PDB file of all heavy atoms in Angstrom:
ATOM      1  N   ILE A   1       0.861  -1.150   0.007  1.00  0.00           N
ATOM      2  CA  ILE A   1      -0.033  -0.009   0.016  1.00  0.00           C
ATOM      3  C   ILE A   1       0.883   1.253  -0.005  1.00  0.00           C
ATOM      4  O   ILE A   1       1.881   1.342   0.732  1.00  0.00           O
ATOM      5  CB  ILE A   1      -0.938   0.016   1.185  1.00  0.00           C
ATOM      6  CG1 ILE A   1      -1.909  -1.182   1.136  1.00  0.00           C
ATOM      7  CG2 ILE A   1      -1.706   1.293   1.324  1.00  0.00           C
ATOM      8  CD1 ILE A   1      -2.860  -1.342   2.287  1.00  0.00           C
ATOM      9  N   GLY A   2       0.542   2.207  -0.845  1.00  0.00           N
ATOM     10  CA  GLY A   2       1.320   3.411  -0.893  1.00  0.00           C
ATOM     11  C   GLY A   2       2.381   3.406  -1.977  1.00  0.00           C
ATOM     12  O   GLY A   2       3.307   4.227  -1.886  1.00  0.00           O
ATOM     13  N   LEU A   3       2.263   2.477  -2.908  1.00  0.00           N
ATOM     14  CA  LEU A   3       3.304   2.441  -3.978  1.00  0.00           C
ATOM     15  C   LEU A   3       3.100   3.657  -4.866  1.00  0.00           C
ATOM     16  O   LEU A   3       1.990   4.159  -5.077  1.00  0.00           O
ATOM     17  CB  LEU A   3       3.129   1.156  -4.821  1.00  0.00           C
ATOM     18  CG  LEU A   3       3.473  -0.148  -4.073  1.00  0.00           C
ATOM     19  CD1 LEU A   3       3.154  -1.364  -5.009  1.00  0.00           C
ATOM     20  CD2 LEU A   3       4.962  -0.168  -3.647  1.00  0.00           C
ATOM     21  N   PRO A   4       4.186   4.129  -5.512  1.00  0.00           N
ATOM     22  CA  PRO A   4       4.060   5.353  -6.349  1.00  0.00           C
ATOM     23  C   PRO A   4       3.304   5.105  -7.626  1.00  0.00           C
ATOM     24  O   PRO A   4       3.197   3.959  -8.099  1.00  0.00           O
ATOM     25  CB  PRO A   4       5.511   5.691  -6.622  1.00  0.00           C
ATOM     26  CG  PRO A   4       6.275   4.389  -6.499  1.00  0.00           C
ATOM     27  CD  PRO A   4       5.518   3.627  -5.408  1.00  0.00           C
ATOM     28  N   ASP A   5       2.792   6.242  -8.218  1.00  0.00           N
ATOM     29  CA  ASP A   5       2.146   6.206  -9.559  1.00  0.00           C
ATOM     30  C   ASP A   5       0.997   5.222  -9.617  1.00  0.00           C
ATOM     31  O   ASP A   5       0.789   4.632 -10.684  1.00  0.00           O
ATOM     32  CB  ASP A   5       3.212   5.918 -10.639  1.00  0.00           C
ATOM     33  CG  ASP A   5       4.335   6.958 -10.607  1.00  0.00           C
ATOM     34  OD1 ASP A   5       4.021   8.112 -10.311  1.00  0.00           O
ATOM     35  OD2 ASP A   5       5.453   6.496 -10.885  1.00  0.00           O
ATOM     36  N   GLY A   6       0.270   5.044  -8.599  1.00  0.00           N
ATOM     37  CA  GLY A   6      -0.905   4.186  -8.643  1.00  0.00           C
ATOM     38  C   GLY A   6      -0.626   2.735  -8.886  1.00  0.00           C
ATOM     39  O   GLY A   6      -1.479   1.980  -9.271  1.00  0.00           O
ATOM     40  N   GLN A   7       0.615   2.316  -8.555  1.00  0.00           N
ATOM     41  CA  GLN A   7       0.960   0.901  -8.771  1.00  0.00           C
ATOM     42  C   GLN A   7       0.278   0.047  -7.714  1.00  0.00           C
ATOM     43  O   GLN A   7      -0.007   0.433  -6.639  1.00  0.00           O
ATOM     44  CB  GLN A   7       2.516   0.707  -8.669  1.00  0.00           C
ATOM     45  CG  GLN A   7       3.259   1.411  -9.741  1.00  0.00           C
ATOM     46  CD  GLN A   7       4.816   1.231  -9.467  1.00  0.00           C
ATOM     47  OE1 GLN A   7       5.235   0.200  -9.004  1.00  0.00           O
ATOM     48  NE2 GLN A   7       5.575   2.256  -9.844  1.00  0.00           N
ATOM     49  N   THR A   8      -0.011  -1.245  -8.116  1.00  0.00           N
ATOM     50  CA  THR A   8      -0.669  -2.182  -7.207  1.00  0.00           C
ATOM     51  C   THR A   8       0.324  -3.279  -6.913  1.00  0.00           C
ATOM     52  O   THR A   8       0.997  -3.819  -7.791  1.00  0.00           O
ATOM     53  CB  THR A   8      -1.923  -2.733  -7.876  1.00  0.00           C
ATOM     54  OG1 THR A   8      -2.816  -1.672  -8.221  1.00  0.00           O
ATOM     55  CG2 THR A   8      -2.678  -3.636  -6.861  1.00  0.00           C
ATOM     56  N   ALA A   9       0.399  -3.699  -5.682  1.00  0.00           N
ATOM     57  CA  ALA A   9       1.325  -4.731  -5.271  1.00  0.00           C
ATOM     58  C   ALA A   9       1.068  -6.055  -5.939  1.00  0.00           C
ATOM     59  O   ALA A   9      -0.072  -6.359  -6.389  1.00  0.00           O
ATOM     60  CB  ALA A   9       1.268  -4.903  -3.769  1.00  0.00           C
ATOM     61  N   GLY A  10       2.090  -6.834  -6.030  1.00  0.00           N
ATOM     62  CA  GLY A  10       1.972  -8.189  -6.586  1.00  0.00           C
ATOM     63  C   GLY A  10       1.253  -9.137  -5.619  1.00  0.00           C
ATOM     64  O   GLY A  10       0.746  -8.717  -4.581  1.00  0.00           O
ATOM     65  N   PRO A  11       1.214 -10.405  -5.948  1.00  0.00           N
ATOM     66  CA  PRO A  11       0.430 -11.374  -5.150  1.00  0.00           C
ATOM     67  C   PRO A  11       1.030 -11.568  -3.771  1.00  0.00           C
ATOM     68  O   PRO A  11       2.226 -11.532  -3.525  1.00  0.00           O
ATOM     69  CB  PRO A  11       0.600 -12.682  -5.947  1.00  0.00           C
ATOM     70  CG  PRO A  11       1.813 -12.518  -6.776  1.00  0.00           C
ATOM     71  CD  PRO A  11       1.904 -11.035  -7.070  1.00  0.00           C
ATOM     72  N   LEU A  12       0.110 -11.806  -2.765  1.00  0.00           N
ATOM     73  CA  LEU A  12       0.554 -11.985  -1.360  1.00  0.00           C
ATOM     74  C   LEU A  12      -0.170 -13.220  -0.810  1.00  0.00           C
ATOM     75  O   LEU A  12      -1.362 -13.347  -0.952  1.00  0.00           O
ATOM     76  CB  LEU A  12       0.216 -10.760  -0.536  1.00  0.00           C
ATOM     77  CG  LEU A  12       0.326 -10.846   1.020  1.00  0.00           C
ATOM     78  CD1 LEU A  12       1.791 -11.087   1.370  1.00  0.00           C
ATOM     79  CD2 LEU A  12      -0.233  -9.670   1.692  1.00  0.00           C
ATOM     80  N   LEU A  13       0.539 -14.085  -0.156  1.00  0.00           N
ATOM     81  CA  LEU A  13      -0.038 -15.221   0.556  1.00  0.00           C
ATOM     82  C   LEU A  13       0.217 -15.002   2.060  1.00  0.00           C
ATOM     83  O   LEU A  13       1.352 -14.837   2.506  1.00  0.00           O
ATOM     84  CB  LEU A  13       0.661 -16.499   0.117  1.00  0.00           C
ATOM     85  CG  LEU A  13       0.373 -17.754   0.958  1.00  0.00           C
ATOM     86  CD1 LEU A  13      -1.117 -18.119   0.982  1.00  0.00           C
ATOM     87  CD2 LEU A  13       1.185 -18.958   0.464  1.00  0.00           C
ATOM     88  N   ILE A  14      -0.882 -14.968   2.823  1.00  0.00           N
ATOM     89  CA  ILE A  14      -0.793 -14.860   4.257  1.00  0.00           C
ATOM     90  C   ILE A  14      -1.077 -16.184   4.858  1.00  0.00           C
ATOM     91  O   ILE A  14      -2.188 -16.726   4.777  1.00  0.00           O
ATOM     92  CB  ILE A  14      -1.782 -13.808   4.789  1.00  0.00           C
ATOM     93  CG1 ILE A  14      -1.549 -12.405   4.182  1.00  0.00           C
ATOM     94  CG2 ILE A  14      -1.664 -13.661   6.352  1.00  0.00           C
ATOM     95  CD1 ILE A  14      -2.623 -11.364   4.535  1.00  0.00           C
ATOM     96  N   ILE A  15      -0.001 -16.864   5.415  1.00  0.00           N
ATOM     97  CA  ILE A  15      -0.241 -18.121   6.077  1.00  0.00           C
ATOM     98  C   ILE A  15      -0.629 -17.813   7.517  1.00  0.00           C
ATOM     99  O   ILE A  15       0.160 -17.275   8.359  1.00  0.00           O
ATOM    100  CB  ILE A  15       1.050 -18.955   6.070  1.00  0.00           C
ATOM    101  CG1 ILE A  15       1.407 -19.331   4.663  1.00  0.00           C
ATOM    102  CG2 ILE A  15       0.914 -20.234   6.935  1.00  0.00           C
ATOM    103  CD1 ILE A  15       0.424 -20.294   3.993  1.00  0.00           C
ATOM    104  N   ALA A  16      -1.904 -18.075   7.872  1.00  0.00           N
ATOM    105  CA  ALA A  16      -2.415 -17.658   9.159  1.00  0.00           C
ATOM    106  C   ALA A  16      -2.734 -18.880  10.002  1.00  0.00           C
ATOM    107  O   ALA A  16      -3.657 -19.618   9.725  1.00  0.00           O
ATOM    108  CB  ALA A  16      -3.712 -16.862   8.902  1.00  0.00           C
ATOM    109  N   GLY A  17      -1.924 -19.163  10.998  1.00  0.00           N
ATOM    110  CA  GLY A  17      -2.084 -20.319  11.855  1.00  0.00           C
ATOM    111  C   GLY A  17      -3.386 -20.205  12.672  1.00  0.00           C
ATOM    112  O   GLY A  17      -4.038 -19.125  12.748  1.00  0.00           O
ATOM    113  N   ALA A  18      -3.810 -21.339  13.184  1.00  0.00           N
ATOM    114  CA  ALA A  18      -5.038 -21.393  14.002  1.00  0.00           C
ATOM    115  C   ALA A  18      -5.008 -20.357  15.132  1.00  0.00           C
ATOM    116  O   ALA A  18      -3.950 -20.242  15.841  1.00  0.00           O
ATOM    117  CB  ALA A  18      -5.203 -22.782  14.576  1.00  0.00           C
ATOM    118  N   GLY A  19      -6.052 -19.562  15.282  1.00  0.00           N
ATOM    119  CA  GLY A  19      -6.142 -18.598  16.336  1.00  0.00           C
ATOM    120  C   GLY A  19      -5.212 -17.447  16.278  1.00  0.00           C
ATOM    121  O   GLY A  19      -4.998 -16.737  17.210  1.00  0.00           O
ATOM    122  N   SER A  20      -4.737 -17.117  15.060  1.00  0.00           N
ATOM    123  CA  SER A  20      -3.754 -16.096  14.846  1.00  0.00           C
ATOM    124  C   SER A  20      -4.354 -14.740  14.478  1.00  0.00           C
ATOM    125  O   SER A  20      -3.610 -13.832  14.131  1.00  0.00           O
ATOM    126  CB  SER A  20      -2.672 -16.497  13.844  1.00  0.00           C
ATOM    127  OG  SER A  20      -3.306 -16.648  12.536  1.00  0.00           O
ATOM    128  N   GLY A  21      -5.649 -14.647  14.526  1.00  0.00           N
ATOM    129  CA  GLY A  21      -6.275 -13.363  14.150  1.00  0.00           C
ATOM    130  C   GLY A  21      -6.407 -13.151  12.637  1.00  0.00           C
ATOM    131  O   GLY A  21      -6.289 -12.023  12.181  1.00  0.00           O
ATOM    132  N   LYS A  22      -6.666 -14.212  11.938  1.00  0.00           N
ATOM    133  CA  LYS A  22      -6.758 -14.159  10.489  1.00  0.00           C
ATOM    134  C   LYS A  22      -7.849 -13.203   9.974  1.00  0.00           C
ATOM    135  O   LYS A  22      -7.586 -12.326   9.169  1.00  0.00           O
ATOM    136  CB  LYS A  22      -7.029 -15.566   9.959  1.00  0.00           C
ATOM    137  CG  LYS A  22      -7.477 -15.668   8.474  1.00  0.00           C
ATOM    138  CD  LYS A  22      -7.766 -17.036   8.052  1.00  0.00           C
ATOM    139  CE  LYS A  22      -8.900 -17.617   8.749  1.00  0.00           C
ATOM    140  NZ  LYS A  22     -10.222 -17.025   8.414  1.00  0.00           N
ATOM    141  N   THR A  23      -9.018 -13.345  10.506  1.00  0.00           N
ATOM    142  CA  THR A  23     -10.173 -12.512  10.064  1.00  0.00           C
ATOM    143  C   THR A  23      -9.895 -11.075  10.385  1.00  0.00           C
ATOM    144  O   THR A  23     -10.165 -10.143   9.550  1.00  0.00           O
ATOM    145  CB  THR A  23     -11.471 -12.957  10.723  1.00  0.00           C
ATOM    146  OG1 THR A  23     -11.645 -14.388  10.444  1.00  0.00           O
ATOM    147  CG2 THR A  23     -12.679 -12.174  10.234  1.00  0.00           C
ATOM    148  N   ASN A  24      -9.368 -10.830  11.550  1.00  0.00           N
ATOM    149  CA  ASN A  24      -9.061  -9.413  11.979  1.00  0.00           C
ATOM    150  C   ASN A  24      -8.009  -8.814  11.024  1.00  0.00           C
ATOM    151  O   ASN A  24      -8.120  -7.630  10.668  1.00  0.00           O
ATOM    152  CB  ASN A  24      -8.548  -9.426  13.410  1.00  0.00           C
ATOM    153  CG  ASN A  24      -8.439  -8.048  13.991  1.00  0.00           C
ATOM    154  OD1 ASN A  24      -9.318  -7.209  13.784  1.00  0.00           O
ATOM    155  ND2 ASN A  24      -7.404  -7.774  14.722  1.00  0.00           N
ATOM    156  N   THR A  25      -7.024  -9.610  10.660  1.00  0.00           N
ATOM    157  CA  THR A  25      -5.937  -9.130   9.757  1.00  0.00           C
ATOM    158  C   THR A  25      -6.516  -8.794   8.405  1.00  0.00           C
ATOM    159  O   THR A  25      -6.188  -7.772   7.810  1.00  0.00           O
ATOM    160  CB  THR A  25      -4.844 -10.137   9.605  1.00  0.00           C
ATOM    161  OG1 THR A  25      -4.303 -10.435  10.946  1.00  0.00           O
ATOM    162  CG2 THR A  25      -3.681  -9.644   8.740  1.00  0.00           C
ATOM    163  N   LEU A  26      -7.329  -9.705   7.882  1.00  0.00           N
ATOM    164  CA  LEU A  26      -7.886  -9.478   6.545  1.00  0.00           C
ATOM    165  C   LEU A  26      -8.800  -8.274   6.508  1.00  0.00           C
ATOM    166  O   LEU A  26      -8.785  -7.443   5.564  1.00  0.00           O
ATOM    167  CB  LEU A  26      -8.650 -10.737   6.082  1.00  0.00           C
ATOM    168  CG  LEU A  26      -9.008 -10.818   4.607  1.00  0.00           C
ATOM    169  CD1 LEU A  26      -7.828 -10.703   3.696  1.00  0.00           C
ATOM    170  CD2 LEU A  26      -9.812 -12.111   4.285  1.00  0.00           C
ATOM    171  N   ALA A  27      -9.618  -8.115   7.571  1.00  0.00           N
ATOM    172  CA  ALA A  27     -10.493  -6.945   7.649  1.00  0.00           C
ATOM    173  C   ALA A  27      -9.710  -5.622   7.717  1.00  0.00           C
ATOM    174  O   ALA A  27     -10.055  -4.622   7.066  1.00  0.00           O
ATOM    175  CB  ALA A  27     -11.389  -7.010   8.867  1.00  0.00           C
ATOM    176  N   HIS A  28      -8.622  -5.636   8.495  1.00  0.00           N
ATOM    177  CA  HIS A  28      -7.797  -4.489   8.555  1.00  0.00           C
ATOM    178  C   HIS A  28      -7.129  -4.147   7.237  1.00  0.00           C
ATOM    179  O   HIS A  28      -6.964  -2.966   6.845  1.00  0.00           O
ATOM    180  CB  HIS A  28      -6.678  -4.632   9.617  1.00  0.00           C
ATOM    181  CG  HIS A  28      -7.111  -4.196  11.005  1.00  0.00           C
ATOM    182  ND1 HIS A  28      -7.872  -5.050  11.880  1.00  0.00           N
ATOM    183  CD2 HIS A  28      -6.928  -3.069  11.693  1.00  0.00           C
ATOM    184  CE1 HIS A  28      -8.077  -4.401  12.979  1.00  0.00           C
ATOM    185  NE2 HIS A  28      -7.525  -3.209  12.942  1.00  0.00           N
ATOM    186  N   ARG A  29      -6.798  -5.188   6.494  1.00  0.00           N
ATOM    187  CA  ARG A  29      -6.131  -4.941   5.157  1.00  0.00           C
ATOM    188  C   ARG A  29      -7.155  -4.258   4.228  1.00  0.00           C
ATOM    189  O   ARG A  29      -6.821  -3.259   3.529  1.00  0.00           O
ATOM    190  CB  ARG A  29      -5.631  -6.234   4.551  1.00  0.00           C
ATOM    191  CG  ARG A  29      -5.023  -6.026   3.145  1.00  0.00           C
ATOM    192  CD  ARG A  29      -4.049  -7.138   2.773  1.00  0.00           C
ATOM    193  NE  ARG A  29      -3.588  -6.956   1.410  1.00  0.00           N
ATOM    194  CZ  ARG A  29      -2.595  -6.093   1.022  1.00  0.00           C
ATOM    195  NH1 ARG A  29      -2.039  -5.330   1.936  1.00  0.00           N
ATOM    196  NH2 ARG A  29      -2.213  -6.054  -0.239  1.00  0.00           N
ATOM    197  N   VAL A  30      -8.409  -4.756   4.241  1.00  0.00           N
ATOM    198  CA  VAL A  30      -9.410  -4.134   3.346  1.00  0.00           C
ATOM    199  C   VAL A  30      -9.674  -2.650   3.779  1.00  0.00           C
ATOM    200  O   VAL A  30      -9.737  -1.764   2.958  1.00  0.00           O
ATOM    201  CB  VAL A  30     -10.734  -4.963   3.396  1.00  0.00           C
ATOM    202  CG1 VAL A  30     -11.832  -4.238   2.612  1.00  0.00           C
ATOM    203  CG2 VAL A  30     -10.521  -6.362   2.846  1.00  0.00           C
TER     204      VAL A  30
END
């Protein structure tokens, strides 16, 4: 987020272990 000239980041894989706050992290990213 915040790349110059309107660029969009490449692919990202978030490996989220059990109970690691996966939903909270994804909601914060959106």
